[in-house]
Amino acid sequence: MADQAQASADSAGGELPAPADVAFVRRMRKDFQRIQMEHEFAVDEVLTKVSILRKEFLHLHRYNPIEHVGSRVKSPTSILQKVARLGIEPTPEAIRASIHDIAGVRITCSFIADTYRVLEALTFQTDVRVIRIKDYITHPKPNGYKSLHALIEIPVFLSTGPVPVTVEVQVRTIAMDFWASLEHKIYYKYDGSVPAGLVASLTEAAHLAELLDQRMEELHTEVRGAGSESADDTTPDAEEQMLLRLWKSARAGAEAEDGGENAGGPAD
């Protein structure tokens, strides 16, 4: 068996790893798999919270401010590369303390006001601890990037007990998301060395996206203002008319039962 292992190592062009190295690699693989699992569960928790908010807004307010939700968890390879690049000890404790973007959730909203509304509803939940919030909408980056960034910590309940896990949440409008996606593709294509002309064009496009957001929000406010419910609106819609008929029918049935019980009186 040892001869086979040595032959395999020789055919791969290297020497057989020392037992200590093998033990180290196996422990690290197990640790990284656990870290990735914890962050996947944390993303699931956040997505559940966002789904509940989405349904609440739709059913109670008849308006859904959330257009799209996406998520990602870094792979063990990606985590390992960042650990090596930052010079961090490859231990779960050091990784959790130093790397906060392993798990990410991106929420795309219709309008600027919605981004603040959704983030506030999410971060005000009692089991969500806010580590920091960066408002790149009010204070955009020099290149025009706009978004709300929140680093939150939520408990993930495992068989061994709760584990606090950090998740990076980004909330932005459709226009902001489109711009950020294009900017990322351009910087990836040029490996970070983007020509000055393209940088200027991207900055200009960010300004146009801002104007679009503002104009669309104005139209949205105008439409909702014209069609919103008011105190003077006394005409029920179809659903309200049905509920009213059911309520009147239920009251009539209850009154009939009460009348029947009272009509008998005590026996002689």
Protein backbone atom coordinates (compact mmCIF):
# COMPACT_ATOMS: atom_id res chain seq x y z
CA MET A 1 0.00 0.00 0.00
CA ALA A 2 2.82 2.38 0.86
CA ASP A 3 4.52 1.48 -2.43
CA GLN A 4 1.32 2.39 -4.31
CA ALA A 5 1.09 5.77 -2.51
CA GLN A 6 4.74 6.49 -3.29
CA ALA A 7 4.24 5.50 -6.92
CA SER A 8 1.21 7.82 -7.12
CA ALA A 9 3.21 10.69 -5.65
CA ASP A 10 6.10 10.03 -8.04
CA SER A 11 3.77 9.99 -11.03
CA ALA A 12 2.36 13.34 -9.92
CA GLY A 13 5.85 14.79 -9.90
CA GLY A 14 6.12 15.32 -6.13
CA GLU A 15 7.05 13.63 -2.90
CA LEU A 16 4.62 11.94 -0.56
CA PRO A 17 3.25 14.58 1.89
CA ALA A 18 4.32 14.28 5.49
CA PRO A 19 1.69 12.90 7.90
CA ALA A 20 1.51 16.27 9.66
CA ASP A 21 0.73 18.00 6.35
CA VAL A 22 -1.98 15.48 5.56
CA ALA A 23 -3.57 15.99 8.97
CA PHE A 24 -3.38 19.78 8.54
CA VAL A 25 -5.00 19.72 5.10
CA ARG A 26 -7.78 17.40 6.23
CA ARG A 27 -8.55 19.55 9.27
CA MET A 28 -8.54 22.69 7.12
CA ARG A 29 -10.88 21.11 4.56
CA LYS A 30 -13.30 20.15 7.33
CA ASP A 31 -13.14 23.65 8.83
CA PHE A 32 -13.72 25.33 5.48
CA GLN A 33 -16.67 23.07 4.69
CA ARG A 34 -18.22 23.95 8.04
CA ILE A 35 -17.65 27.67 7.49
CA GLN A 36 -19.29 27.48 4.07
CA MET A 37 -22.21 25.47 5.49
CA GLU A 38 -22.81 28.01 8.28
CA HIS A 39 -22.85 30.89 5.80
CA GLU A 40 -25.19 29.03 3.45
CA PHE A 41 -27.61 28.58 6.36
CA ALA A 42 -27.24 32.27 7.25
CA VAL A 43 -28.15 33.24 3.68
CA ASP A 44 -31.20 30.97 3.89
CA GLU A 45 -32.25 32.78 7.09
CA VAL A 46 -31.95 36.20 5.47
CA LEU A 47 -33.79 35.07 2.34
CA THR A 48 -36.63 33.78 4.51
CA LYS A 49 -36.85 37.13 6.28
CA VAL A 50 -36.91 38.99 2.95
CA SER A 51 -39.57 36.62 1.60
CA ILE A 52 -41.79 37.29 4.61
CA LEU A 53 -41.36 41.05 4.22
CA ARG A 54 -42.16 40.75 0.53
CA LYS A 55 -45.42 38.93 1.23
CA GLU A 56 -46.34 41.30 4.05
CA PHE A 57 -45.91 44.36 1.85
CA LEU A 58 -47.94 42.73 -0.92
CA HIS A 59 -50.85 41.52 1.23
CA LEU A 60 -51.15 44.36 3.72
CA HIS A 61 -50.02 47.33 1.64
CA ARG A 62 -50.92 46.00 -1.83
CA TYR A 63 -47.47 46.98 -2.99
CA ASN A 64 -44.26 45.01 -3.29
CA PRO A 65 -41.13 47.20 -3.10
CA ILE A 66 -38.78 44.25 -3.77
CA GLU A 67 -38.18 43.44 -7.43
CA HIS A 68 -35.47 40.79 -7.16
CA VAL A 69 -33.37 38.99 -4.55
CA GLY A 70 -30.05 37.25 -5.20
CA SER A 71 -27.47 35.59 -3.00
CA ARG A 72 -24.07 33.96 -3.05
CA VAL A 73 -21.63 32.18 -0.74
CA LYS A 74 -17.91 32.12 -1.47
CA SER A 75 -16.50 28.72 -2.34
CA PRO A 76 -13.84 27.11 -0.12
CA THR A 77 -11.27 27.85 -2.86
CA SER A 78 -12.23 31.53 -2.92
CA ILE A 79 -12.11 31.73 0.87
CA LEU A 80 -8.69 30.06 0.92
CA GLN A 81 -7.32 32.48 -1.67
CA LYS A 82 -8.52 35.46 0.36
CA VAL A 83 -7.08 33.99 3.56
CA ALA A 84 -3.69 33.63 1.86
CA ARG A 85 -3.88 37.09 0.29
CA LEU A 86 -4.68 38.78 3.60
CA GLY A 87 -2.20 36.71 5.58
CA ILE A 88 -4.88 35.36 7.94
CA GLU A 89 -4.44 32.19 9.97
CA PRO A 90 -6.50 29.43 8.28
CA THR A 91 -8.60 28.79 11.39
CA PRO A 92 -12.38 29.19 11.70
CA GLU A 93 -12.00 31.79 14.45
CA ALA A 94 -9.58 33.96 12.46
CA ILE A 95 -11.63 33.68 9.28
CA ARG A 96 -14.90 34.63 11.00
CA ALA A 97 -13.22 37.61 12.65
CA SER A 98 -11.46 38.93 9.54
CA ILE A 99 -13.55 38.03 6.47
CA HIS A 100 -17.10 39.39 6.42
CA ASP A 101 -18.12 38.96 2.78
CA ILE A 102 -18.32 35.17 2.64
CA ALA A 103 -22.11 35.36 2.51
CA GLY A 104 -23.93 38.01 0.52
CA VAL A 105 -27.55 38.90 -0.22
CA ARG A 106 -28.54 41.51 -2.80
CA ILE A 107 -32.01 43.06 -2.76
CA THR A 108 -33.12 45.04 -5.80
CA CYS A 109 -35.94 47.51 -5.20
CA SER A 110 -38.13 49.57 -7.47
CA PHE A 111 -37.36 53.01 -6.07
CA ILE A 112 -34.86 54.82 -3.85
CA ALA A 113 -37.32 55.24 -0.98
CA ASP A 114 -37.95 51.48 -1.08
CA THR A 115 -34.28 50.69 -0.45
CA TYR A 116 -34.33 52.51 2.88
CA ARG A 117 -37.73 51.10 3.78
CA VAL A 118 -36.71 47.50 3.15
CA LEU A 119 -33.34 47.80 4.90
CA GLU A 120 -34.98 49.38 7.94
CA ALA A 121 -37.60 46.61 8.13
CA LEU A 122 -34.88 43.96 7.91
CA THR A 123 -32.39 45.44 10.37
CA PHE A 124 -35.02 46.34 13.00
CA GLN A 125 -35.77 42.66 13.62
CA THR A 126 -34.73 41.62 17.12
CA ASP A 127 -32.50 38.71 16.07
CA VAL A 128 -30.56 40.84 13.58
CA ARG A 129 -27.50 42.65 14.91
CA VAL A 130 -26.25 45.49 12.74
CA ILE A 131 -22.46 45.68 12.62
CA ARG A 132 -22.26 48.60 10.22
CA ILE A 133 -24.17 50.36 7.47
CA LYS A 134 -22.65 52.28 4.56
CA ASP A 135 -24.95 54.57 2.63
CA TYR A 136 -23.51 54.88 -0.86
CA ILE A 137 -26.81 56.30 -2.12
CA THR A 138 -26.57 59.51 -0.15
CA HIS A 139 -22.78 59.46 -0.44
CA PRO A 140 -21.86 57.72 -3.75
CA LYS A 141 -18.36 56.49 -4.48
CA PRO A 142 -16.23 58.74 -6.73
CA ASN A 143 -16.95 56.55 -9.77
CA GLY A 144 -20.70 56.93 -9.28
CA TYR A 145 -21.42 53.63 -7.51
CA LYS A 146 -24.60 53.79 -5.41
CA SER A 147 -26.06 51.22 -3.03
CA LEU A 148 -26.88 50.58 0.61
CA HIS A 149 -24.45 48.17 2.28
CA ALA A 150 -25.26 46.57 5.62
CA LEU A 151 -23.14 44.07 7.49
CA ILE A 152 -25.43 42.13 9.79
CA GLU A 153 -25.03 39.22 12.16
CA ILE A 154 -27.76 36.61 12.62
CA PRO A 155 -27.89 33.39 14.66
CA VAL A 156 -27.79 30.08 12.82
CA PHE A 157 -29.22 27.33 15.01
CA LEU A 158 -27.28 24.08 14.65
CA SER A 159 -27.45 20.84 16.62
CA THR A 160 -24.60 22.12 18.79
CA GLY A 161 -26.32 25.45 19.48
CA PRO A 162 -26.61 28.88 17.86
CA VAL A 163 -23.70 30.25 15.83
CA PRO A 164 -23.52 33.98 15.01
CA VAL A 165 -22.79 34.45 11.30
CA THR A 166 -22.21 37.67 9.38
CA VAL A 167 -23.95 38.40 6.08
CA GLU A 168 -23.32 41.33 3.76
CA VAL A 169 -26.61 42.79 2.50
CA GLN A 170 -26.74 45.16 -0.47
CA VAL A 171 -29.92 47.06 -1.29
CA ARG A 172 -30.20 49.09 -4.48
CA THR A 173 -32.61 50.16 -7.20
CA ILE A 174 -32.93 48.51 -10.61
CA ALA A 175 -30.99 51.36 -12.24
CA MET A 176 -28.21 51.15 -9.64
CA ASP A 177 -27.99 47.38 -10.07
CA PHE A 178 -27.81 47.65 -13.86
CA TRP A 179 -25.01 50.22 -13.62
CA ALA A 180 -23.06 48.18 -11.04
CA SER A 181 -23.35 45.03 -13.15
CA LEU A 182 -22.01 46.81 -16.22
CA GLU A 183 -19.20 48.44 -14.24
CA HIS A 184 -18.16 45.05 -12.85
CA LYS A 185 -18.06 43.49 -16.33
CA ILE A 186 -15.95 46.35 -17.70
CA TYR A 187 -13.44 46.21 -14.84
CA TYR A 188 -13.24 42.43 -15.20
CA LYS A 189 -12.62 42.69 -18.94
CA TYR A 190 -9.79 45.20 -18.47
CA ASP A 191 -8.46 43.47 -15.34
CA GLY A 192 -8.92 46.68 -13.34
CA SER A 193 -7.00 48.91 -15.78
CA VAL A 194 -9.97 50.62 -17.42
CA PRO A 195 -9.18 53.36 -19.97
CA ALA A 196 -9.86 56.88 -18.71
CA GLY A 197 -12.47 57.46 -21.39
CA LEU A 198 -14.52 54.49 -20.23
CA VAL A 199 -14.23 55.58 -16.59
CA ALA A 200 -15.61 59.01 -17.54
CA SER A 201 -18.44 57.38 -19.50
CA LEU A 202 -19.29 55.14 -16.54
CA THR A 203 -19.43 58.14 -14.22
CA GLU A 204 -21.71 59.94 -16.65
CA ALA A 205 -23.92 56.86 -16.91
CA ALA A 206 -24.19 56.78 -13.11
CA HIS A 207 -25.50 60.35 -13.19
CA LEU A 208 -28.05 59.41 -15.85
CA ALA A 209 -29.15 56.42 -13.75
CA GLU A 210 -29.63 58.78 -10.80
CA LEU A 211 -31.81 61.07 -12.90
CA LEU A 212 -33.83 58.05 -14.07
CA ASP A 213 -34.36 56.91 -10.48
CA GLN A 214 -35.55 60.35 -9.46
CA ARG A 215 -37.92 60.70 -12.41
CA MET A 216 -39.40 57.23 -11.99
CA GLU A 217 -39.97 57.85 -8.29
CA GLU A 218 -41.75 61.12 -9.09
CA LEU A 219 -44.04 59.27 -11.51
CA HIS A 220 -44.63 56.53 -8.95
CA THR A 221 -45.58 59.04 -6.26
CA GLU A 222 -47.88 60.85 -8.67
CA VAL A 223 -49.69 57.65 -9.69
CA ARG A 224 -50.04 56.26 -6.16
CA GLY A 225 -51.15 59.66 -4.89
CA ALA A 226 -53.91 59.81 -7.49
CA GLY A 227 -55.11 56.26 -6.90
CA SER A 228 -54.49 55.80 -3.19
CA GLU A 229 -57.28 55.24 -0.71
CA SER A 230 -58.56 58.30 1.11
CA ALA A 231 -60.90 58.97 3.99
CA ASP A 232 -63.57 60.19 1.55
CA ASP A 233 -63.51 56.93 -0.44
CA THR A 234 -66.70 55.14 0.71
CA THR A 235 -67.14 52.84 -2.30
CA PRO A 236 -66.03 49.28 -1.42
CA ASP A 237 -64.28 47.17 -4.00
CA ALA A 238 -65.40 43.66 -4.98
CA GLU A 239 -63.48 41.94 -2.19
CA GLU A 240 -64.77 44.38 0.42
CA GLN A 241 -68.35 43.93 -0.81
CA MET A 242 -68.01 40.15 -0.45
CA LEU A 243 -66.64 40.49 3.10
CA LEU A 244 -69.51 42.84 3.96
CA ARG A 245 -72.10 40.34 2.70
CA LEU A 246 -70.45 37.51 4.65
CA TRP A 247 -70.39 39.61 7.80
CA LYS A 248 -74.06 40.57 7.48
CA SER A 249 -74.97 36.93 6.82
CA ALA A 250 -73.00 35.77 9.88
CA ARG A 251 -74.65 38.42 12.09
CA ALA A 252 -78.10 37.48 10.82
CA GLY A 253 -77.43 33.81 11.57
CA ALA A 254 -76.19 34.59 15.07
CA GLU A 255 -79.24 36.77 15.81
CA ALA A 256 -81.54 34.03 14.57
CA GLU A 257 -79.92 31.49 16.91
CA ASP A 258 -80.17 33.89 19.85
CA GLY A 259 -83.83 34.52 19.08
CA GLY A 260 -84.59 30.81 18.94
CA GLU A 261 -82.94 30.13 22.28
CA ASN A 262 -84.78 32.98 24.03
CA ALA A 263 -88.20 32.14 22.56
CA GLY A 264 -88.56 28.80 24.38
CA GLY A 265 -88.52 30.08 27.95
CA PRO A 266 -88.46 27.86 31.05
CA ALA A 267 -90.57 24.72 31.15
CA ASP A 268 -93.81 24.83 33.23
